[in-house]
Amino acid sequence: MTSHLIAIIGASGSGKTTLSRYLCQALGERTGETINCISQDVYYRDYTHLSAAERGRVNFDHPDSFDFAALAGDLSRLAAGEAVCVPEYDYVTHRPRARARHVASGGVLLVEGILLLHDPRVRELFSTTIYLDLPLALCFERRLERDVRERGRSAESVRRQFSENVVPMFERYLAPQRQHAQWVLDNNDAPSALVDALVTRLAKCKV
């Protein structure tokens, strides 16, 4: 049984994870389908060969920081009806852990990330693509609050990373993905309306 792959793309702090969790629950309740959700972040490359100082300079918003070949391989197998074990990523040591999380094939798979439509090998695997189009100022406010509260970072370090990495990479690599999205959502769009549209689309795919 093949999977219906849905991509959710947006800047850091745009609400990708929150929307993914909401859709997982809402679509599961409405369709009775198996709903799985994974993040592109677990496909960051292994940086343990670098010193701590060098790892601190890695730009995790640049396409080169992701292992697109591994991501494309796993999504291809899921789309073809095969189950896979996806990696987990250790954000302290900056390397993938053992592939410990089993993801079954079939049903709906939500994938959220900042560069899911950048690489053609990955982009062509998605049946549905959603782009979250929120002002960067709002994204920064959300990320600042999250990183200080959850990751123990200083406000200054968050501001510096956002201005030096997030904004330039957004303008160069992330924003151009908007042209590939089937749905573009802003902060005023109701998630419930998206669920209705997705349920309709999923039903048509089965015909």
C-alpha atoms as a PDB file:
ATOM      1  CA  MET A   1       0.000   0.000   0.000  1.00  0.00           C
ATOM      2  CA  THR A   2       1.525   3.303  -1.091  1.00  0.00           C
ATOM      3  CA  SER A   3       1.698   6.470   1.001  1.00  0.00           C
ATOM      4  CA  HIS A   4       0.342   9.934   0.210  1.00  0.00           C
ATOM      5  CA  LEU A   5       3.207  12.311   0.978  1.00  0.00           C
ATOM      6  CA  ILE A   6       2.430  15.854   2.139  1.00  0.00           C
ATOM      7  CA  ALA A   7       5.165  18.511   2.443  1.00  0.00           C
ATOM      8  CA  ILE A   8       4.863  21.427   4.852  1.00  0.00           C
ATOM      9  CA  ILE A   9       7.468  24.105   4.139  1.00  0.00           C
ATOM     10  CA  GLY A  10       8.183  27.377   5.881  1.00  0.00           C
ATOM     11  CA  ALA A  11      10.762  29.472   7.647  1.00  0.00           C
ATOM     12  CA  SER A  12      11.983  28.619  11.129  1.00  0.00           C
ATOM     13  CA  GLY A  13       9.227  29.776  13.473  1.00  0.00           C
ATOM     14  CA  SER A  14       6.496  29.754  10.820  1.00  0.00           C
ATOM     15  CA  GLY A  15       4.513  27.033  12.598  1.00  0.00           C
ATOM     16  CA  LYS A  16       5.427  23.939  10.577  1.00  0.00           C
ATOM     17  CA  THR A  17       5.627  21.616  13.566  1.00  0.00           C
ATOM     18  CA  THR A  18       2.425  22.951  15.127  1.00  0.00           C
ATOM     19  CA  LEU A  19       0.512  22.578  11.850  1.00  0.00           C
ATOM     20  CA  SER A  20       1.906  19.070  11.319  1.00  0.00           C
ATOM     21  CA  ARG A  21       0.746  17.935  14.753  1.00  0.00           C
ATOM     22  CA  TYR A  22      -2.683  19.437  14.205  1.00  0.00           C
ATOM     23  CA  LEU A  23      -3.062  17.806  10.782  1.00  0.00           C
ATOM     24  CA  CYS A  24      -1.892  14.429  12.102  1.00  0.00           C
ATOM     25  CA  GLN A  25      -4.645  14.417  14.679  1.00  0.00           C
ATOM     26  CA  ALA A  26      -7.367  16.031  12.568  1.00  0.00           C
ATOM     27  CA  LEU A  27      -6.777  13.974   9.427  1.00  0.00           C
ATOM     28  CA  GLY A  28      -6.564  10.774  11.454  1.00  0.00           C
ATOM     29  CA  GLU A  29      -9.908  11.490  13.078  1.00  0.00           C
ATOM     30  CA  ARG A  30     -11.585  12.496   9.814  1.00  0.00           C
ATOM     31  CA  THR A  31     -10.267   9.789   7.498  1.00  0.00           C
ATOM     32  CA  GLY A  32      -9.390   6.863   9.735  1.00  0.00           C
ATOM     33  CA  GLU A  33      -6.080   6.705   7.845  1.00  0.00           C
ATOM     34  CA  THR A  34      -2.675   5.953   9.303  1.00  0.00           C
ATOM     35  CA  ILE A  35      -1.019   9.349   9.756  1.00  0.00           C
ATOM     36  CA  ASN A  36       2.743   9.546  10.241  1.00  0.00           C
ATOM     37  CA  CYS A  37       4.825  12.677  10.657  1.00  0.00           C
ATOM     38  CA  ILE A  38       8.574  13.201  10.295  1.00  0.00           C
ATOM     39  CA  SER A  39      10.858  16.225  10.215  1.00  0.00           C
ATOM     40  CA  GLN A  40      13.497  17.037   7.626  1.00  0.00           C
ATOM     41  CA  ASP A  41      15.736  18.022  10.551  1.00  0.00           C
ATOM     42  CA  VAL A  42      16.568  14.385  11.298  1.00  0.00           C
ATOM     43  CA  TYR A  43      18.388  14.292   7.951  1.00  0.00           C
ATOM     44  CA  TYR A  44      21.059  16.804   8.928  1.00  0.00           C
ATOM     45  CA  ARG A  45      24.549  15.595   8.046  1.00  0.00           C
ATOM     46  CA  ASP A  46      27.045  14.107  10.488  1.00  0.00           C
ATOM     47  CA  TYR A  47      29.382  16.836  11.799  1.00  0.00           C
ATOM     48  CA  THR A  48      31.231  14.895  14.495  1.00  0.00           C
ATOM     49  CA  HIS A  49      34.454  15.167  12.475  1.00  0.00           C
ATOM     50  CA  LEU A  50      34.480  18.902  13.181  1.00  0.00           C
ATOM     51  CA  SER A  51      35.702  20.561  16.345  1.00  0.00           C
ATOM     52  CA  ALA A  52      33.157  22.132  18.666  1.00  0.00           C
ATOM     53  CA  ALA A  53      34.123  25.571  17.374  1.00  0.00           C
ATOM     54  CA  GLU A  54      33.733  24.455  13.754  1.00  0.00           C
ATOM     55  CA  ARG A  55      30.357  22.870  14.450  1.00  0.00           C
ATOM     56  CA  GLY A  56      29.241  26.151  15.949  1.00  0.00           C
ATOM     57  CA  ARG A  57      29.893  27.818  12.594  1.00  0.00           C
ATOM     58  CA  VAL A  58      27.858  25.344  10.525  1.00  0.00           C
ATOM     59  CA  ASN A  59      24.964  27.022   8.732  1.00  0.00           C
ATOM     60  CA  PHE A  60      22.068  24.634   9.352  1.00  0.00           C
ATOM     61  CA  ASP A  61      19.810  26.679   7.067  1.00  0.00           C
ATOM     62  CA  HIS A  62      21.981  25.992   4.003  1.00  0.00           C
ATOM     63  CA  PRO A  63      21.041  23.088   1.696  1.00  0.00           C
ATOM     64  CA  ASP A  64      24.488  21.543   2.112  1.00  0.00           C
ATOM     65  CA  SER A  65      23.702  20.783   5.760  1.00  0.00           C
ATOM     66  CA  PHE A  66      21.085  18.189   4.750  1.00  0.00           C
ATOM     67  CA  ASP A  67      21.558  14.650   3.418  1.00  0.00           C
ATOM     68  CA  PHE A  68      19.048  14.934   0.583  1.00  0.00           C
ATOM     69  CA  ALA A  69      20.058  11.579  -0.883  1.00  0.00           C
ATOM     70  CA  ALA A  70      19.094   9.754   2.321  1.00  0.00           C
ATOM     71  CA  LEU A  71      15.850  11.724   2.600  1.00  0.00           C
ATOM     72  CA  ALA A  72      14.913  11.017  -1.014  1.00  0.00           C
ATOM     73  CA  GLY A  73      15.701   7.323  -0.557  1.00  0.00           C
ATOM     74  CA  ASP A  74      13.498   6.946   2.509  1.00  0.00           C
ATOM     75  CA  LEU A  75      10.607   8.913   1.008  1.00  0.00           C
ATOM     76  CA  SER A  76      10.839   6.923  -2.231  1.00  0.00           C
ATOM     77  CA  ARG A  77      10.509   3.665  -0.327  1.00  0.00           C
ATOM     78  CA  LEU A  78       7.558   4.976   1.678  1.00  0.00           C
ATOM     79  CA  ALA A  79       5.862   6.277  -1.461  1.00  0.00           C
ATOM     80  CA  ALA A  80       6.328   2.827  -3.021  1.00  0.00           C
ATOM     81  CA  GLY A  81       4.722   1.066  -0.079  1.00  0.00           C
ATOM     82  CA  GLU A  82       7.802   0.032   1.900  1.00  0.00           C
ATOM     83  CA  ALA A  83       8.308   0.686   5.603  1.00  0.00           C
ATOM     84  CA  VAL A  84      11.507   2.417   6.693  1.00  0.00           C
ATOM     85  CA  CYS A  85      13.417   3.238   9.860  1.00  0.00           C
ATOM     86  CA  VAL A  86      14.187   6.939   9.912  1.00  0.00           C
ATOM     87  CA  PRO A  87      17.160   8.367  11.813  1.00  0.00           C
ATOM     88  CA  GLU A  88      17.098  10.469  14.920  1.00  0.00           C
ATOM     89  CA  TYR A  89      19.431  13.440  15.153  1.00  0.00           C
ATOM     90  CA  ASP A  90      21.505  14.390  18.166  1.00  0.00           C
ATOM     91  CA  TYR A  91      21.604  18.189  18.259  1.00  0.00           C
ATOM     92  CA  VAL A  92      24.291  18.161  20.944  1.00  0.00           C
ATOM     93  CA  THR A  93      26.893  16.104  19.052  1.00  0.00           C
ATOM     94  CA  HIS A  94      25.526  17.071  15.608  1.00  0.00           C
ATOM     95  CA  ARG A  95      25.249  13.588  14.186  1.00  0.00           C
ATOM     96  CA  PRO A  96      22.501  11.102  13.259  1.00  0.00           C
ATOM     97  CA  ARG A  97      21.734   8.440  15.820  1.00  0.00           C
ATOM     98  CA  ALA A  98      20.866   4.860  14.925  1.00  0.00           C
ATOM     99  CA  ARG A  99      17.813   4.447  12.724  1.00  0.00           C
ATOM    100  CA  ALA A 100      15.500   3.588  15.565  1.00  0.00           C
ATOM    101  CA  ARG A 101      12.130   5.007  14.560  1.00  0.00           C
ATOM    102  CA  HIS A 102       9.959   2.733  12.437  1.00  0.00           C
ATOM    103  CA  VAL A 103       7.607   4.418   9.965  1.00  0.00           C
ATOM    104  CA  ALA A 104       5.011   2.210   8.310  1.00  0.00           C
ATOM    105  CA  SER A 105       3.985   2.594   4.700  1.00  0.00           C
ATOM    106  CA  GLY A 106       0.456   3.349   3.590  1.00  0.00           C
ATOM    107  CA  GLY A 107      -1.876   6.112   4.634  1.00  0.00           C
ATOM    108  CA  VAL A 108      -0.667   9.687   4.889  1.00  0.00           C
ATOM    109  CA  LEU A 109       2.852  10.885   5.657  1.00  0.00           C
ATOM    110  CA  LEU A 110       3.385  14.514   6.709  1.00  0.00           C
ATOM    111  CA  VAL A 111       6.921  15.815   6.274  1.00  0.00           C
ATOM    112  CA  GLU A 112       7.849  19.248   7.625  1.00  0.00           C
ATOM    113  CA  GLY A 113      11.022  21.174   6.928  1.00  0.00           C
ATOM    114  CA  ILE A 114      12.603  24.309   5.544  1.00  0.00           C
ATOM    115  CA  LEU A 115      13.937  22.926   2.250  1.00  0.00           C
ATOM    116  CA  LEU A 116      11.685  20.046   1.216  1.00  0.00           C
ATOM    117  CA  LEU A 117      11.028  21.506  -2.243  1.00  0.00           C
ATOM    118  CA  HIS A 118      14.612  22.605  -2.898  1.00  0.00           C
ATOM    119  CA  ASP A 119      15.961  19.296  -4.202  1.00  0.00           C
ATOM    120  CA  PRO A 120      14.091  17.919  -7.269  1.00  0.00           C
ATOM    121  CA  ARG A 121      14.664  14.324  -6.109  1.00  0.00           C
ATOM    122  CA  VAL A 122      12.660  15.054  -2.970  1.00  0.00           C
ATOM    123  CA  ARG A 123      10.200  17.552  -4.433  1.00  0.00           C
ATOM    124  CA  GLU A 124       8.827  15.142  -7.040  1.00  0.00           C
ATOM    125  CA  LEU A 125       7.842  12.600  -4.368  1.00  0.00           C
ATOM    126  CA  PHE A 126       5.185  14.775  -2.738  1.00  0.00           C
ATOM    127  CA  SER A 127       1.548  14.507  -3.780  1.00  0.00           C
ATOM    128  CA  THR A 128       0.602  17.633  -1.813  1.00  0.00           C
ATOM    129  CA  THR A 129       2.738  20.675  -0.967  1.00  0.00           C
ATOM    130  CA  ILE A 130       1.944  23.434   1.545  1.00  0.00           C
ATOM    131  CA  TYR A 131       3.975  26.614   2.031  1.00  0.00           C
ATOM    132  CA  LEU A 132       3.590  28.684   5.200  1.00  0.00           C
ATOM    133  CA  ASP A 133       4.032  32.335   4.250  1.00  0.00           C
ATOM    134  CA  LEU A 134       4.474  34.345   7.452  1.00  0.00           C
ATOM    135  CA  PRO A 135       6.408  37.593   8.012  1.00  0.00           C
ATOM    136  CA  LEU A 136       9.988  36.945   9.078  1.00  0.00           C
ATOM    137  CA  ALA A 137       9.550  39.371  11.982  1.00  0.00           C
ATOM    138  CA  LEU A 138       6.863  37.116  13.430  1.00  0.00           C
ATOM    139  CA  CYS A 139       8.955  34.005  12.777  1.00  0.00           C
ATOM    140  CA  PHE A 140      11.852  35.605  14.649  1.00  0.00           C
ATOM    141  CA  GLU A 141       9.676  36.431  17.669  1.00  0.00           C
ATOM    142  CA  ARG A 142       8.514  32.813  17.868  1.00  0.00           C
ATOM    143  CA  ARG A 143      12.011  31.394  17.447  1.00  0.00           C
ATOM    144  CA  LEU A 144      13.473  33.777  20.014  1.00  0.00           C
ATOM    145  CA  GLU A 145      10.926  32.699  22.616  1.00  0.00           C
ATOM    146  CA  ARG A 146      11.391  28.993  21.814  1.00  0.00           C
ATOM    147  CA  ASP A 147      15.181  28.914  21.738  1.00  0.00           C
ATOM    148  CA  VAL A 148      15.600  30.896  24.947  1.00  0.00           C
ATOM    149  CA  ARG A 149      12.972  28.851  26.799  1.00  0.00           C
ATOM    150  CA  GLU A 150      13.608  25.349  25.427  1.00  0.00           C
ATOM    151  CA  ARG A 151      17.238  25.346  24.309  1.00  0.00           C
ATOM    152  CA  GLY A 152      18.864  27.606  26.882  1.00  0.00           C
ATOM    153  CA  ARG A 153      20.260  30.003  24.311  1.00  0.00           C
ATOM    154  CA  SER A 154      20.895  33.677  24.869  1.00  0.00           C
ATOM    155  CA  ALA A 155      18.703  36.223  23.116  1.00  0.00           C
ATOM    156  CA  GLU A 156      21.776  37.726  21.468  1.00  0.00           C
ATOM    157  CA  SER A 157      22.900  34.402  19.979  1.00  0.00           C
ATOM    158  CA  VAL A 158      19.409  33.807  18.559  1.00  0.00           C
ATOM    159  CA  ARG A 159      19.349  37.295  17.018  1.00  0.00           C
ATOM    160  CA  ARG A 160      22.789  36.832  15.496  1.00  0.00           C
ATOM    161  CA  GLN A 161      21.977  33.434  13.990  1.00  0.00           C
ATOM    162  CA  PHE A 162      18.684  34.683  12.618  1.00  0.00           C
ATOM    163  CA  SER A 163      20.227  37.712  10.924  1.00  0.00           C
ATOM    164  CA  GLU A 164      23.386  35.968   9.690  1.00  0.00           C
ATOM    165  CA  ASN A 165      21.977  32.576   8.673  1.00  0.00           C
ATOM    166  CA  VAL A 166      18.196  32.359   8.674  1.00  0.00           C
ATOM    167  CA  VAL A 167      17.346  35.524   6.749  1.00  0.00           C
ATOM    168  CA  PRO A 168      19.967  35.163   3.959  1.00  0.00           C
ATOM    169  CA  MET A 169      19.163  31.475   3.455  1.00  0.00           C
ATOM    170  CA  PHE A 170      15.433  32.220   3.473  1.00  0.00           C
ATOM    171  CA  GLU A 171      15.833  34.783   0.713  1.00  0.00           C
ATOM    172  CA  ARG A 172      18.158  32.629  -1.371  1.00  0.00           C
ATOM    173  CA  TYR A 173      16.769  29.115  -0.935  1.00  0.00           C
ATOM    174  CA  LEU A 174      13.531  28.963   1.036  1.00  0.00           C
ATOM    175  CA  ALA A 175      11.374  31.705  -0.482  1.00  0.00           C
ATOM    176  CA  PRO A 176      11.850  30.416  -4.070  1.00  0.00           C
ATOM    177  CA  GLN A 177      10.145  27.160  -3.046  1.00  0.00           C
ATOM    178  CA  ARG A 178       6.860  29.070  -2.865  1.00  0.00           C
ATOM    179  CA  GLN A 179       6.453  28.668  -6.619  1.00  0.00           C
ATOM    180  CA  HIS A 180       6.333  24.883  -6.233  1.00  0.00           C
ATOM    181  CA  ALA A 181       3.639  24.852  -3.524  1.00  0.00           C
ATOM    182  CA  GLN A 182       0.057  23.909  -4.280  1.00  0.00           C
ATOM    183  CA  TRP A 183      -1.205  25.777  -1.211  1.00  0.00           C
ATOM    184  CA  VAL A 184       0.217  28.967   0.256  1.00  0.00           C
ATOM    185  CA  LEU A 185      -1.058  29.765   3.760  1.00  0.00           C
ATOM    186  CA  ASP A 186      -0.637  32.906   5.819  1.00  0.00           C
ATOM    187  CA  ASN A 187      -1.322  33.599   9.478  1.00  0.00           C
ATOM    188  CA  ASN A 188      -5.000  34.301   8.759  1.00  0.00           C
ATOM    189  CA  ASP A 189      -5.790  30.914   7.210  1.00  0.00           C
ATOM    190  CA  ALA A 190      -7.823  28.530   9.353  1.00  0.00           C
ATOM    191  CA  PRO A 191      -6.244  25.072   9.761  1.00  0.00           C
ATOM    192  CA  SER A 192      -9.731  23.524   9.781  1.00  0.00           C
ATOM    193  CA  ALA A 193     -10.308  24.723   6.215  1.00  0.00           C
ATOM    194  CA  LEU A 194      -7.049  23.060   5.172  1.00  0.00           C
ATOM    195  CA  VAL A 195      -8.215  19.794   6.736  1.00  0.00           C
ATOM    196  CA  ASP A 196     -11.442  19.937   4.708  1.00  0.00           C
ATOM    197  CA  ALA A 197      -9.478  20.535   1.509  1.00  0.00           C
ATOM    198  CA  LEU A 198      -7.018  17.742   2.266  1.00  0.00           C
ATOM    199  CA  VAL A 199      -9.779  15.260   3.070  1.00  0.00           C
ATOM    200  CA  THR A 200     -11.357  16.049  -0.300  1.00  0.00           C
ATOM    201  CA  ARG A 201      -8.036  15.658  -2.097  1.00  0.00           C
ATOM    202  CA  LEU A 202      -7.248  12.373  -0.383  1.00  0.00           C
ATOM    203  CA  ALA A 203     -10.652  11.003  -1.324  1.00  0.00           C
ATOM    204  CA  LYS A 204     -10.100  11.908  -4.974  1.00  0.00           C
ATOM    205  CA  CYS A 205      -6.713  10.197  -4.956  1.00  0.00           C
ATOM    206  CA  LYS A 206      -8.388   6.919  -4.059  1.00  0.00           C
ATOM    207  CA  VAL A 207     -10.792   7.005  -6.987  1.00  0.00           C
END
